[in-house]
Amino acid sequence: MPRKRIPVVVVAGFLGAGKTSVLNHLLRNNQGVRIGVVVNDFGAVNIDSMMVAGQVDSMVSLSNGCMCCAVDNEDMDALLDQLAHPASDVDVIVVEASGLAEPRNMIRLILASENPSVVFGGLVMVVDGEQFGGTLERHPELSHHLGLADLLVLNKVDLLDDPVAADVRALVREYNPQAPILPASHGRIDPTVLFDPAARGEPLPGEQLTLDQLLVDGEEHQHLHADYQAVVFESASPMDPRALVEFLETRPPGIFRAKGFVHFAVPGQTRKFEVQTVGPHIRFVSARWSSGEQRATSLVLIGVDVDEAEVLAALASCVDVGDGDDPTAMLGVHRYTVAA
């Protein structure tokens, strides 16, 4: 089995955009996921009316199994090592960047980590829908931050009339033509868009299946939420590696995450590949097929305003039609493959 890698999600946004509201909502609605949280200001994090207080480099265990800590940026790598230690048993790490932080630097810190147990889980930019225009005028560098985002949360839409909300959305889209834009009020976003519910035992009736369970069951799926959706693609025929990599690199607009298992039938290639993407970040991990396991491709893609027919058609065009046995066809996959 591939080694467990813990996604590190950065939540950024200008002062007052609602980052802490997003964080608190994720912690209160973690669906059994153990979250490691990195914040600059403990005092703003309030879980079930419990004020979490602490100093830099301290760590507090929360009653829901999550962990909360505060660090300076230069200590980020050491903290990731601590949170990703098997003894901490966290499933995902969420970094709440300061409202004045440079998101690019936060991303670099995570990508530069030499810890094999962590992987960059994407940049979530929280946008204050009510104040966005004025904030952008005063701080034009915000436009560059938006361009880096893998997911844009347009917060405080409850304070906007529909025409105003549409105008703000269009303005945000100018600075990032690719990332999904997820509307929210009071920072309430469904955690499933960022990470899978914990797969600890069988789900109770009515509970949301994890992406892994969706892949195994193969049953007709339900949309995860009114604002975003999951698209399931399955193929008993092998995939063309070049075509699939091109699809992942130039994914249709609105797709935020994708994960699953891929079957390639390239000469000399006998392993299956787990693929995970967050925004433009692609990762393959090779693994052995289990005895008796059907060699097939199963993918789940999550996004906002996704054209399901377009996505399925594009993936169907990636099925290997057997035009050749070029052994170099896997080079693109290997470029994104990490050691298990």
C-alpha atoms as a PDB file:
ATOM      1  CA  MET A   1       0.000   0.000   0.000  1.00  0.00           C
ATOM      2  CA  PRO A   2       1.228   3.538  -0.711  1.00  0.00           C
ATOM      3  CA  ARG A   3       2.534   5.352   2.341  1.00  0.00           C
ATOM      4  CA  LYS A   4      -0.037   7.602   3.940  1.00  0.00           C
ATOM      5  CA  ARG A   5       0.568  11.225   3.028  1.00  0.00           C
ATOM      6  CA  ILE A   6      -1.138  13.970   4.987  1.00  0.00           C
ATOM      7  CA  PRO A   7      -2.440  16.866   2.877  1.00  0.00           C
ATOM      8  CA  VAL A   8      -1.478  20.338   4.094  1.00  0.00           C
ATOM      9  CA  VAL A   9      -4.143  22.880   3.131  1.00  0.00           C
ATOM     10  CA  VAL A  10      -3.347  26.601   3.360  1.00  0.00           C
ATOM     11  CA  VAL A  11      -6.283  28.912   4.117  1.00  0.00           C
ATOM     12  CA  ALA A  12      -5.411  32.526   3.280  1.00  0.00           C
ATOM     13  CA  GLY A  13      -7.196  35.791   2.680  1.00  0.00           C
ATOM     14  CA  PHE A  14      -7.043  39.430   3.636  1.00  0.00           C
ATOM     15  CA  LEU A  15      -7.859  40.623   7.160  1.00  0.00           C
ATOM     16  CA  GLY A  16     -11.528  40.107   7.952  1.00  0.00           C
ATOM     17  CA  ALA A  17     -12.259  37.904   4.950  1.00  0.00           C
ATOM     18  CA  GLY A  18     -13.443  35.055   7.175  1.00  0.00           C
ATOM     19  CA  LYS A  19     -10.486  32.652   7.387  1.00  0.00           C
ATOM     20  CA  THR A  20     -11.063  31.878  11.055  1.00  0.00           C
ATOM     21  CA  SER A  21     -14.764  31.327  10.393  1.00  0.00           C
ATOM     22  CA  VAL A  22     -13.827  28.764   7.746  1.00  0.00           C
ATOM     23  CA  LEU A  23     -11.388  27.108  10.140  1.00  0.00           C
ATOM     24  CA  ASN A  24     -13.848  26.963  13.018  1.00  0.00           C
ATOM     25  CA  HIS A  25     -16.514  25.520  10.732  1.00  0.00           C
ATOM     26  CA  LEU A  26     -14.142  22.814   9.489  1.00  0.00           C
ATOM     27  CA  LEU A  27     -13.232  21.867  13.051  1.00  0.00           C
ATOM     28  CA  ARG A  28     -16.845  21.738  14.213  1.00  0.00           C
ATOM     29  CA  ASN A  29     -17.870  19.685  11.183  1.00  0.00           C
ATOM     30  CA  ASN A  30     -14.811  17.517  10.706  1.00  0.00           C
ATOM     31  CA  GLN A  31     -16.818  14.322  10.012  1.00  0.00           C
ATOM     32  CA  GLY A  32     -14.422  12.261  12.092  1.00  0.00           C
ATOM     33  CA  VAL A  33     -11.325  13.606  10.376  1.00  0.00           C
ATOM     34  CA  ARG A  34      -8.524  14.468  12.802  1.00  0.00           C
ATOM     35  CA  ILE A  35      -7.307  17.913  11.801  1.00  0.00           C
ATOM     36  CA  GLY A  36      -3.956  19.394  12.707  1.00  0.00           C
ATOM     37  CA  VAL A  37      -4.328  23.167  12.758  1.00  0.00           C
ATOM     38  CA  VAL A  38      -1.596  25.776  12.455  1.00  0.00           C
ATOM     39  CA  VAL A  39      -2.676  29.313  13.358  1.00  0.00           C
ATOM     40  CA  ASN A  40      -0.986  32.601  14.074  1.00  0.00           C
ATOM     41  CA  ASP A  41      -3.501  33.689  16.691  1.00  0.00           C
ATOM     42  CA  PHE A  42      -4.909  31.104  19.065  1.00  0.00           C
ATOM     43  CA  GLY A  43      -7.375  33.500  20.607  1.00  0.00           C
ATOM     44  CA  ALA A  44      -9.546  33.591  17.499  1.00  0.00           C
ATOM     45  CA  VAL A  45     -10.140  29.829  17.422  1.00  0.00           C
ATOM     46  CA  ASN A  46     -13.210  28.906  19.426  1.00  0.00           C
ATOM     47  CA  ILE A  47     -14.383  25.293  19.404  1.00  0.00           C
ATOM     48  CA  ASP A  48     -17.737  24.583  21.073  1.00  0.00           C
ATOM     49  CA  SER A  49     -17.421  27.811  23.059  1.00  0.00           C
ATOM     50  CA  MET A  50     -14.000  26.761  24.383  1.00  0.00           C
ATOM     51  CA  MET A  51     -11.420  29.495  23.885  1.00  0.00           C
ATOM     52  CA  VAL A  52      -8.117  27.896  22.950  1.00  0.00           C
ATOM     53  CA  ALA A  53      -5.278  29.965  24.368  1.00  0.00           C
ATOM     54  CA  GLY A  54      -1.565  29.384  23.826  1.00  0.00           C
ATOM     55  CA  GLN A  55       1.785  30.758  22.817  1.00  0.00           C
ATOM     56  CA  VAL A  56       4.020  30.276  19.820  1.00  0.00           C
ATOM     57  CA  ASP A  57       5.304  26.692  19.475  1.00  0.00           C
ATOM     58  CA  SER A  58       2.665  25.302  21.812  1.00  0.00           C
ATOM     59  CA  MET A  59       0.265  22.523  20.895  1.00  0.00           C
ATOM     60  CA  VAL A  60      -3.180  21.852  22.331  1.00  0.00           C
ATOM     61  CA  SER A  61      -5.238  18.683  21.893  1.00  0.00           C
ATOM     62  CA  LEU A  62      -8.906  19.418  21.257  1.00  0.00           C
ATOM     63  CA  SER A  63     -11.750  17.287  22.549  1.00  0.00           C
ATOM     64  CA  ASN A  64     -12.778  16.266  19.023  1.00  0.00           C
ATOM     65  CA  GLY A  65      -9.419  14.592  18.335  1.00  0.00           C
ATOM     66  CA  CYS A  66      -7.951  17.530  16.453  1.00  0.00           C
ATOM     67  CA  MET A  67      -4.778  19.336  17.401  1.00  0.00           C
ATOM     68  CA  CYS A  68      -4.150  23.060  17.443  1.00  0.00           C
ATOM     69  CA  CYS A  69      -0.813  24.869  17.484  1.00  0.00           C
ATOM     70  CA  ALA A  70       0.738  28.233  16.718  1.00  0.00           C
ATOM     71  CA  VAL A  71       4.119  28.892  15.140  1.00  0.00           C
ATOM     72  CA  ASP A  72       6.232  31.442  13.384  1.00  0.00           C
ATOM     73  CA  ASN A  73       6.714  30.829   9.673  1.00  0.00           C
ATOM     74  CA  GLU A  74      10.360  29.831  10.109  1.00  0.00           C
ATOM     75  CA  ASP A  75       9.264  26.980  12.371  1.00  0.00           C
ATOM     76  CA  MET A  76       6.810  25.565   9.837  1.00  0.00           C
ATOM     77  CA  ASP A  77       8.942  22.625   8.760  1.00  0.00           C
ATOM     78  CA  ALA A  78       9.568  21.499  12.322  1.00  0.00           C
ATOM     79  CA  LEU A  79       5.873  21.765  13.076  1.00  0.00           C
ATOM     80  CA  LEU A  80       4.931  19.708  10.019  1.00  0.00           C
ATOM     81  CA  ASP A  81       7.322  17.032  11.253  1.00  0.00           C
ATOM     82  CA  GLN A  82       5.597  17.078  14.625  1.00  0.00           C
ATOM     83  CA  LEU A  83       2.037  17.041  13.306  1.00  0.00           C
ATOM     84  CA  ALA A  84       2.799  14.391  10.681  1.00  0.00           C
ATOM     85  CA  HIS A  85       4.372  12.060  13.233  1.00  0.00           C
ATOM     86  CA  PRO A  86       2.424   8.772  13.458  1.00  0.00           C
ATOM     87  CA  ALA A  87       1.792   9.433  17.150  1.00  0.00           C
ATOM     88  CA  SER A  88      -0.253  12.545  16.329  1.00  0.00           C
ATOM     89  CA  ASP A  89      -2.671  10.496  14.179  1.00  0.00           C
ATOM     90  CA  VAL A  90      -3.913  13.498  12.189  1.00  0.00           C
ATOM     91  CA  ASP A  91      -5.539  13.031   8.787  1.00  0.00           C
ATOM     92  CA  VAL A  92      -5.144  16.550   7.382  1.00  0.00           C
ATOM     93  CA  ILE A  93      -3.271  19.712   8.370  1.00  0.00           C
ATOM     94  CA  VAL A  94      -4.866  23.132   7.869  1.00  0.00           C
ATOM     95  CA  VAL A  95      -2.627  26.204   7.999  1.00  0.00           C
ATOM     96  CA  GLU A  96      -4.447  29.470   8.637  1.00  0.00           C
ATOM     97  CA  ALA A  97      -2.159  32.132   7.203  1.00  0.00           C
ATOM     98  CA  SER A  98      -2.046  35.595   8.719  1.00  0.00           C
ATOM     99  CA  GLY A  99      -4.200  38.139   6.946  1.00  0.00           C
ATOM    100  CA  LEU A 100      -1.018  39.923   5.913  1.00  0.00           C
ATOM    101  CA  ALA A 101       0.884  36.776   4.916  1.00  0.00           C
ATOM    102  CA  GLU A 102       2.261  36.182   1.434  1.00  0.00           C
ATOM    103  CA  PRO A 103       0.562  32.940   0.264  1.00  0.00           C
ATOM    104  CA  ARG A 104       3.356  32.164  -2.188  1.00  0.00           C
ATOM    105  CA  ASN A 105       5.823  31.911   0.701  1.00  0.00           C
ATOM    106  CA  MET A 106       3.500  29.599   2.617  1.00  0.00           C
ATOM    107  CA  ILE A 107       3.205  27.326  -0.407  1.00  0.00           C
ATOM    108  CA  ARG A 108       6.983  27.266  -0.852  1.00  0.00           C
ATOM    109  CA  LEU A 109       7.492  26.287   2.789  1.00  0.00           C
ATOM    110  CA  ILE A 110       5.212  23.283   2.366  1.00  0.00           C
ATOM    111  CA  LEU A 111       6.499  22.230  -1.044  1.00  0.00           C
ATOM    112  CA  ALA A 112      10.060  22.501   0.268  1.00  0.00           C
ATOM    113  CA  SER A 113       9.359  20.212   3.209  1.00  0.00           C
ATOM    114  CA  GLU A 114      11.503  17.091   3.135  1.00  0.00           C
ATOM    115  CA  ASN A 115       8.976  15.190   5.226  1.00  0.00           C
ATOM    116  CA  PRO A 116       7.731  12.281   3.059  1.00  0.00           C
ATOM    117  CA  SER A 117       4.509  12.100   5.067  1.00  0.00           C
ATOM    118  CA  VAL A 118       3.106  15.458   3.967  1.00  0.00           C
ATOM    119  CA  VAL A 119       1.901  16.705   0.619  1.00  0.00           C
ATOM    120  CA  PHE A 120       0.619  20.133  -0.405  1.00  0.00           C
ATOM    121  CA  GLY A 121      -3.173  20.042  -0.272  1.00  0.00           C
ATOM    122  CA  GLY A 122      -3.892  23.317  -2.028  1.00  0.00           C
ATOM    123  CA  LEU A 123      -4.315  27.036  -1.389  1.00  0.00           C
ATOM    124  CA  VAL A 124      -7.786  28.174  -0.367  1.00  0.00           C
ATOM    125  CA  MET A 125      -8.255  31.928  -0.702  1.00  0.00           C
ATOM    126  CA  VAL A 126     -11.141  33.393   1.296  1.00  0.00           C
ATOM    127  CA  VAL A 127     -12.588  36.528  -0.298  1.00  0.00           C
ATOM    128  CA  ASP A 128     -14.705  39.077   1.560  1.00  0.00           C
ATOM    129  CA  GLY A 129     -17.514  39.490  -0.957  1.00  0.00           C
ATOM    130  CA  GLU A 130     -18.845  42.615   0.727  1.00  0.00           C
ATOM    131  CA  GLN A 131     -15.524  44.475   0.912  1.00  0.00           C
ATOM    132  CA  PHE A 132     -13.644  42.959  -2.020  1.00  0.00           C
ATOM    133  CA  GLY A 133     -13.734  45.954  -4.369  1.00  0.00           C
ATOM    134  CA  GLY A 134     -12.452  48.432  -1.800  1.00  0.00           C
ATOM    135  CA  THR A 135      -9.853  46.011  -0.428  1.00  0.00           C
ATOM    136  CA  LEU A 136      -8.512  45.377  -3.924  1.00  0.00           C
ATOM    137  CA  GLU A 137      -8.131  49.104  -4.543  1.00  0.00           C
ATOM    138  CA  ARG A 138      -6.160  49.575  -1.329  1.00  0.00           C
ATOM    139  CA  HIS A 139      -4.149  46.385  -1.713  1.00  0.00           C
ATOM    140  CA  PRO A 140      -3.689  45.537  -5.412  1.00  0.00           C
ATOM    141  CA  GLU A 141      -1.283  42.716  -4.473  1.00  0.00           C
ATOM    142  CA  LEU A 142      -4.418  40.771  -3.542  1.00  0.00           C
ATOM    143  CA  SER A 143      -4.975  40.124  -7.248  1.00  0.00           C
ATOM    144  CA  HIS A 144      -1.728  38.128  -7.359  1.00  0.00           C
ATOM    145  CA  HIS A 145      -2.795  36.105  -4.316  1.00  0.00           C
ATOM    146  CA  LEU A 146      -6.067  35.232  -6.006  1.00  0.00           C
ATOM    147  CA  GLY A 147      -4.174  34.006  -9.049  1.00  0.00           C
ATOM    148  CA  LEU A 148      -2.335  31.441  -6.912  1.00  0.00           C
ATOM    149  CA  ALA A 149      -5.479  29.923  -5.409  1.00  0.00           C
ATOM    150  CA  ASP A 150      -6.618  26.375  -6.079  1.00  0.00           C
ATOM    151  CA  LEU A 151     -10.024  27.125  -4.546  1.00  0.00           C
ATOM    152  CA  LEU A 152     -11.698  30.509  -4.044  1.00  0.00           C
ATOM    153  CA  VAL A 153     -14.256  30.866  -1.245  1.00  0.00           C
ATOM    154  CA  LEU A 154     -16.473  33.876  -1.922  1.00  0.00           C
ATOM    155  CA  ASN A 155     -17.567  34.584   1.642  1.00  0.00           C
ATOM    156  CA  LYS A 156     -20.366  36.796   3.020  1.00  0.00           C
ATOM    157  CA  VAL A 157     -22.619  36.290  -0.005  1.00  0.00           C
ATOM    158  CA  ASP A 158     -25.557  36.533   2.387  1.00  0.00           C
ATOM    159  CA  LEU A 159     -24.810  40.266   2.599  1.00  0.00           C
ATOM    160  CA  LEU A 160     -24.967  40.755  -1.182  1.00  0.00           C
ATOM    161  CA  ASP A 161     -27.837  41.150  -3.598  1.00  0.00           C
ATOM    162  CA  ASP A 162     -27.692  38.690  -6.486  1.00  0.00           C
ATOM    163  CA  PRO A 163     -26.544  41.262  -9.087  1.00  0.00           C
ATOM    164  CA  VAL A 164     -23.776  42.501  -6.759  1.00  0.00           C
ATOM    165  CA  ALA A 165     -22.691  38.940  -5.985  1.00  0.00           C
ATOM    166  CA  ALA A 166     -22.495  38.217  -9.715  1.00  0.00           C
ATOM    167  CA  ASP A 167     -20.362  41.329 -10.272  1.00  0.00           C
ATOM    168  CA  VAL A 168     -17.965  40.372  -7.460  1.00  0.00           C
ATOM    169  CA  ARG A 169     -17.720  36.830  -8.789  1.00  0.00           C
ATOM    170  CA  ALA A 170     -16.910  38.147 -12.269  1.00  0.00           C
ATOM    171  CA  LEU A 171     -14.219  40.424 -10.838  1.00  0.00           C
ATOM    172  CA  VAL A 172     -12.650  37.568  -8.880  1.00  0.00           C
ATOM    173  CA  ARG A 173     -12.738  35.415 -11.996  1.00  0.00           C
ATOM    174  CA  GLU A 174     -10.677  38.014 -13.878  1.00  0.00           C
ATOM    175  CA  TYR A 175      -7.716  37.268 -11.602  1.00  0.00           C
ATOM    176  CA  ASN A 176      -8.109  33.496 -11.595  1.00  0.00           C
ATOM    177  CA  PRO A 177      -9.803  31.990 -14.654  1.00  0.00           C
ATOM    178  CA  GLN A 178      -9.392  28.374 -13.545  1.00  0.00           C
ATOM    179  CA  ALA A 179     -10.007  27.815  -9.822  1.00  0.00           C
ATOM    180  CA  PRO A 180     -13.512  26.922  -8.630  1.00  0.00           C
ATOM    181  CA  ILE A 181     -15.388  29.731  -6.859  1.00  0.00           C
ATOM    182  CA  LEU A 182     -17.407  28.459  -3.914  1.00  0.00           C
ATOM    183  CA  PRO A 183     -19.986  30.853  -2.408  1.00  0.00           C
ATOM    184  CA  ALA A 184     -20.283  30.826   1.375  1.00  0.00           C
ATOM    185  CA  SER A 185     -21.880  32.592   4.309  1.00  0.00           C
ATOM    186  CA  HIS A 186     -20.131  32.849   7.685  1.00  0.00           C
ATOM    187  CA  GLY A 187     -17.292  30.698   6.308  1.00  0.00           C
ATOM    188  CA  ARG A 188     -19.502  27.614   6.072  1.00  0.00           C
ATOM    189  CA  ILE A 189     -18.114  25.325   3.417  1.00  0.00           C
ATOM    190  CA  ASP A 190     -18.625  21.583   3.267  1.00  0.00           C
ATOM    191  CA  PRO A 191     -15.412  19.925   4.532  1.00  0.00           C
ATOM    192  CA  THR A 192     -15.768  17.256   1.849  1.00  0.00           C
ATOM    193  CA  VAL A 193     -14.569  19.706  -0.762  1.00  0.00           C
ATOM    194  CA  LEU A 194     -11.182  19.809   1.010  1.00  0.00           C
ATOM    195  CA  PHE A 195     -10.787  16.335   2.481  1.00  0.00           C
ATOM    196  CA  ASP A 196     -12.582  13.009   2.666  1.00  0.00           C
ATOM    197  CA  PRO A 197     -14.680  12.014   5.665  1.00  0.00           C
ATOM    198  CA  ALA A 198     -12.892   9.578   7.954  1.00  0.00           C
ATOM    199  CA  ALA A 199     -13.192   5.972   6.801  1.00  0.00           C
ATOM    200  CA  ARG A 200     -13.297   4.407  10.257  1.00  0.00           C
ATOM    201  CA  GLY A 201     -15.747   1.542   9.988  1.00  0.00           C
ATOM    202  CA  GLU A 202     -18.812   1.319   7.797  1.00  0.00           C
ATOM    203  CA  PRO A 203     -20.789   4.535   7.238  1.00  0.00           C
ATOM    204  CA  LEU A 204     -24.079   4.883   9.025  1.00  0.00           C
ATOM    205  CA  PRO A 205     -27.232   5.105   6.892  1.00  0.00           C
ATOM    206  CA  GLY A 206     -27.407   8.533   5.298  1.00  0.00           C
ATOM    207  CA  GLU A 207     -23.745   9.360   5.911  1.00  0.00           C
ATOM    208  CA  GLN A 208     -21.656  10.671   3.030  1.00  0.00           C
ATOM    209  CA  LEU A 209     -19.464   7.972   1.526  1.00  0.00           C
ATOM    210  CA  THR A 210     -15.757   8.687   1.287  1.00  0.00           C
ATOM    211  CA  LEU A 211     -14.274   9.032  -2.166  1.00  0.00           C
ATOM    212  CA  ASP A 212     -12.642   5.615  -1.722  1.00  0.00           C
ATOM    213  CA  GLN A 213     -16.010   4.063  -0.958  1.00  0.00           C
ATOM    214  CA  LEU A 214     -17.537   5.779  -3.965  1.00  0.00           C
ATOM    215  CA  LEU A 215     -14.839   4.215  -6.101  1.00  0.00           C
ATOM    216  CA  VAL A 216     -15.385   0.740  -4.661  1.00  0.00           C
ATOM    217  CA  ASP A 217     -19.169   0.790  -4.723  1.00  0.00           C
ATOM    218  CA  GLY A 218     -19.494   2.118  -8.246  1.00  0.00           C
ATOM    219  CA  GLU A 219     -23.113   3.032  -7.502  1.00  0.00           C
ATOM    220  CA  GLU A 220     -24.859   6.060  -8.885  1.00  0.00           C
ATOM    221  CA  HIS A 221     -23.543   8.948  -6.825  1.00  0.00           C
ATOM    222  CA  GLN A 222     -25.329  11.861  -5.249  1.00  0.00           C
ATOM    223  CA  HIS A 223     -24.085  15.395  -5.645  1.00  0.00           C
ATOM    224  CA  LEU A 224     -22.127  16.186  -2.501  1.00  0.00           C
ATOM    225  CA  HIS A 225     -23.571  19.670  -2.089  1.00  0.00           C
ATOM    226  CA  ALA A 226     -25.714  22.120  -3.986  1.00  0.00           C
ATOM    227  CA  ASP A 227     -22.688  24.299  -4.740  1.00  0.00           C
ATOM    228  CA  TYR A 228     -20.328  21.606  -5.954  1.00  0.00           C
ATOM    229  CA  GLN A 229     -20.434  18.110  -7.305  1.00  0.00           C
ATOM    230  CA  ALA A 230     -18.553  14.881  -7.778  1.00  0.00           C
ATOM    231  CA  VAL A 231     -18.105  13.295 -11.184  1.00  0.00           C
ATOM    232  CA  VAL A 232     -17.312   9.573 -11.256  1.00  0.00           C
ATOM    233  CA  PHE A 233     -15.456   8.050 -14.217  1.00  0.00           C
ATOM    234  CA  GLU A 234     -14.778   4.336 -14.642  1.00  0.00           C
ATOM    235  CA  SER A 235     -13.204   2.402 -17.478  1.00  0.00           C
ATOM    236  CA  ALA A 236     -12.433  -1.290 -17.846  1.00  0.00           C
ATOM    237  CA  SER A 237     -10.131  -0.396 -20.724  1.00  0.00           C
ATOM    238  CA  PRO A 238      -6.647   0.975 -19.946  1.00  0.00           C
ATOM    239  CA  MET A 239      -5.911   4.679 -20.196  1.00  0.00           C
ATOM    240  CA  ASP A 240      -3.530   6.431 -22.534  1.00  0.00           C
ATOM    241  CA  PRO A 241      -0.887   7.930 -20.195  1.00  0.00           C
ATOM    242  CA  ARG A 242      -0.062  10.913 -22.397  1.00  0.00           C
ATOM    243  CA  ALA A 243      -3.707  11.825 -22.897  1.00  0.00           C
ATOM    244  CA  LEU A 244      -4.535  11.461 -19.204  1.00  0.00           C
ATOM    245  CA  VAL A 245      -1.611  13.617 -18.097  1.00  0.00           C
ATOM    246  CA  GLU A 246      -2.649  16.277 -20.602  1.00  0.00           C
ATOM    247  CA  PHE A 247      -6.200  16.141 -19.218  1.00  0.00           C
ATOM    248  CA  LEU A 248      -4.929  16.589 -15.660  1.00  0.00           C
ATOM    249  CA  GLU A 249      -2.612  19.435 -16.664  1.00  0.00           C
ATOM    250  CA  THR A 250      -5.325  21.270 -18.617  1.00  0.00           C
ATOM    251  CA  ARG A 251      -8.325  20.144 -16.584  1.00  0.00           C
ATOM    252  CA  PRO A 252     -11.742  21.619 -17.427  1.00  0.00           C
ATOM    253  CA  PRO A 253     -12.603  24.765 -15.432  1.00  0.00           C
ATOM    254  CA  GLY A 254     -14.086  24.270 -11.998  1.00  0.00           C
ATOM    255  CA  ILE A 255     -12.334  21.028 -11.009  1.00  0.00           C
ATOM    256  CA  PHE A 256     -10.581  21.335  -7.649  1.00  0.00           C
ATOM    257  CA  ARG A 257      -9.722  17.783  -6.637  1.00  0.00           C
ATOM    258  CA  ALA A 258      -9.404  14.421  -8.337  1.00  0.00           C
ATOM    259  CA  LYS A 259      -8.382  11.055  -6.997  1.00  0.00           C
ATOM    260  CA  GLY A 260      -8.561   7.406  -7.886  1.00  0.00           C
ATOM    261  CA  PHE A 261      -6.697   4.533  -9.477  1.00  0.00           C
ATOM    262  CA  VAL A 262      -5.509   4.279 -13.066  1.00  0.00           C
ATOM    263  CA  HIS A 263      -4.712   1.291 -15.249  1.00  0.00           C
ATOM    264  CA  PHE A 264      -2.129   1.759 -18.008  1.00  0.00           C
ATOM    265  CA  ALA A 265      -1.369  -1.033 -20.507  1.00  0.00           C
ATOM    266  CA  VAL A 266       2.054   0.129 -21.647  1.00  0.00           C
ATOM    267  CA  PRO A 267       4.665  -2.549 -22.460  1.00  0.00           C
ATOM    268  CA  GLY A 268       6.727  -3.335 -19.383  1.00  0.00           C
ATOM    269  CA  GLN A 269       4.255  -1.540 -17.088  1.00  0.00           C
ATOM    270  CA  THR A 270       2.565  -3.912 -14.641  1.00  0.00           C
ATOM    271  CA  ARG A 271       1.644  -1.649 -11.704  1.00  0.00           C
ATOM    272  CA  LYS A 272      -1.447   0.372 -10.945  1.00  0.00           C
ATOM    273  CA  PHE A 273      -1.199   4.084 -10.175  1.00  0.00           C
ATOM    274  CA  GLU A 274      -3.006   6.039  -7.509  1.00  0.00           C
ATOM    275  CA  VAL A 275      -3.535   9.598  -8.697  1.00  0.00           C
ATOM    276  CA  GLN A 276      -4.412  12.641  -6.602  1.00  0.00           C
ATOM    277  CA  THR A 277      -4.668  16.217  -7.786  1.00  0.00           C
ATOM    278  CA  VAL A 278      -5.373  19.510  -6.053  1.00  0.00           C
ATOM    279  CA  GLY A 279      -5.738  22.337  -8.524  1.00  0.00           C
ATOM    280  CA  PRO A 280      -2.750  22.085 -10.875  1.00  0.00           C
ATOM    281  CA  HIS A 281      -0.757  19.913  -8.446  1.00  0.00           C
ATOM    282  CA  ILE A 282      -0.592  16.312  -9.668  1.00  0.00           C
ATOM    283  CA  ARG A 283       0.737  13.273  -7.822  1.00  0.00           C
ATOM    284  CA  PHE A 284       0.952   9.631  -8.906  1.00  0.00           C
ATOM    285  CA  VAL A 285       1.957   6.790  -6.581  1.00  0.00           C
ATOM    286  CA  SER A 286       2.620   3.352  -8.049  1.00  0.00           C
ATOM    287  CA  ALA A 287       1.352   0.262  -6.249  1.00  0.00           C
ATOM    288  CA  ARG A 288       0.883  -3.446  -6.854  1.00  0.00           C
ATOM    289  CA  TRP A 289      -2.406  -4.855  -8.035  1.00  0.00           C
ATOM    290  CA  SER A 290      -3.915  -7.113  -5.396  1.00  0.00           C
ATOM    291  CA  SER A 291      -4.384 -10.752  -6.216  1.00  0.00           C
ATOM    292  CA  GLY A 292      -7.589 -11.112  -8.198  1.00  0.00           C
ATOM    293  CA  GLU A 293      -8.113  -7.328  -8.404  1.00  0.00           C
ATOM    294  CA  GLN A 294      -9.755  -6.184 -11.621  1.00  0.00           C
ATOM    295  CA  ARG A 295      -7.427  -3.963 -13.591  1.00  0.00           C
ATOM    296  CA  ALA A 296      -9.528  -0.905 -14.301  1.00  0.00           C
ATOM    297  CA  THR A 297      -9.572   2.881 -13.903  1.00  0.00           C
ATOM    298  CA  SER A 298     -11.786   4.569 -11.312  1.00  0.00           C
ATOM    299  CA  LEU A 299     -11.674   8.328 -10.751  1.00  0.00           C
ATOM    300  CA  VAL A 300     -13.682  10.835  -8.729  1.00  0.00           C
ATOM    301  CA  LEU A 301     -13.420  14.527  -9.589  1.00  0.00           C
ATOM    302  CA  ILE A 302     -14.795  17.283  -7.321  1.00  0.00           C
ATOM    303  CA  GLY A 303     -15.475  20.803  -8.481  1.00  0.00           C
ATOM    304  CA  VAL A 304     -17.797  23.768  -8.744  1.00  0.00           C
ATOM    305  CA  ASP A 305     -19.955  24.539 -11.801  1.00  0.00           C
ATOM    306  CA  VAL A 306     -18.484  21.490 -13.523  1.00  0.00           C
ATOM    307  CA  ASP A 307     -19.877  20.421 -16.895  1.00  0.00           C
ATOM    308  CA  GLU A 308     -20.187  16.713 -16.126  1.00  0.00           C
ATOM    309  CA  ALA A 309     -20.781  15.703 -19.742  1.00  0.00           C
ATOM    310  CA  GLU A 310     -17.691  17.617 -20.845  1.00  0.00           C
ATOM    311  CA  VAL A 311     -15.526  16.012 -18.163  1.00  0.00           C
ATOM    312  CA  LEU A 312     -16.722  12.484 -18.915  1.00  0.00           C
ATOM    313  CA  ALA A 313     -16.258  12.993 -22.643  1.00  0.00           C
ATOM    314  CA  ALA A 314     -12.740  14.324 -22.125  1.00  0.00           C
ATOM    315  CA  LEU A 315     -11.821  11.349 -19.944  1.00  0.00           C
ATOM    316  CA  ALA A 316     -13.386   8.912 -22.396  1.00  0.00           C
ATOM    317  CA  SER A 317     -11.093  10.346 -25.060  1.00  0.00           C
ATOM    318  CA  CYS A 318      -8.148   9.378 -22.824  1.00  0.00           C
ATOM    319  CA  VAL A 319      -8.924   5.670 -23.109  1.00  0.00           C
ATOM    320  CA  ASP A 320      -6.059   3.878 -24.872  1.00  0.00           C
ATOM    321  CA  VAL A 321      -7.103   2.969 -28.411  1.00  0.00           C
ATOM    322  CA  GLY A 322      -4.019   0.838 -28.945  1.00  0.00           C
ATOM    323  CA  ASP A 323      -2.345   2.919 -31.622  1.00  0.00           C
ATOM    324  CA  GLY A 324       1.147   1.916 -30.546  1.00  0.00           C
ATOM    325  CA  ASP A 325       3.423   0.348 -27.996  1.00  0.00           C
ATOM    326  CA  ASP A 326       5.641   3.332 -27.302  1.00  0.00           C
ATOM    327  CA  PRO A 327       7.564   2.623 -24.069  1.00  0.00           C
ATOM    328  CA  THR A 328       8.196   6.354 -23.603  1.00  0.00           C
ATOM    329  CA  ALA A 329       4.473   6.995 -23.181  1.00  0.00           C
ATOM    330  CA  MET A 330       4.828   6.814 -19.381  1.00  0.00           C
ATOM    331  CA  LEU A 331       7.343   9.656 -19.135  1.00  0.00           C
ATOM    332  CA  GLY A 332       4.654  12.201 -18.314  1.00  0.00           C
ATOM    333  CA  VAL A 333       3.282   9.993 -15.537  1.00  0.00           C
ATOM    334  CA  HIS A 334       6.751   9.381 -14.119  1.00  0.00           C
ATOM    335  CA  ARG A 335       7.336  13.129 -13.971  1.00  0.00           C
ATOM    336  CA  TYR A 336       4.597  13.340 -11.333  1.00  0.00           C
ATOM    337  CA  THR A 337       5.261  10.007  -9.605  1.00  0.00           C
ATOM    338  CA  VAL A 338       6.497   9.999  -6.010  1.00  0.00           C
ATOM    339  CA  ALA A 339       7.950   7.055  -4.136  1.00  0.00           C
ATOM    340  CA  ALA A 340       5.522   4.950  -2.141  1.00  0.00           C
END
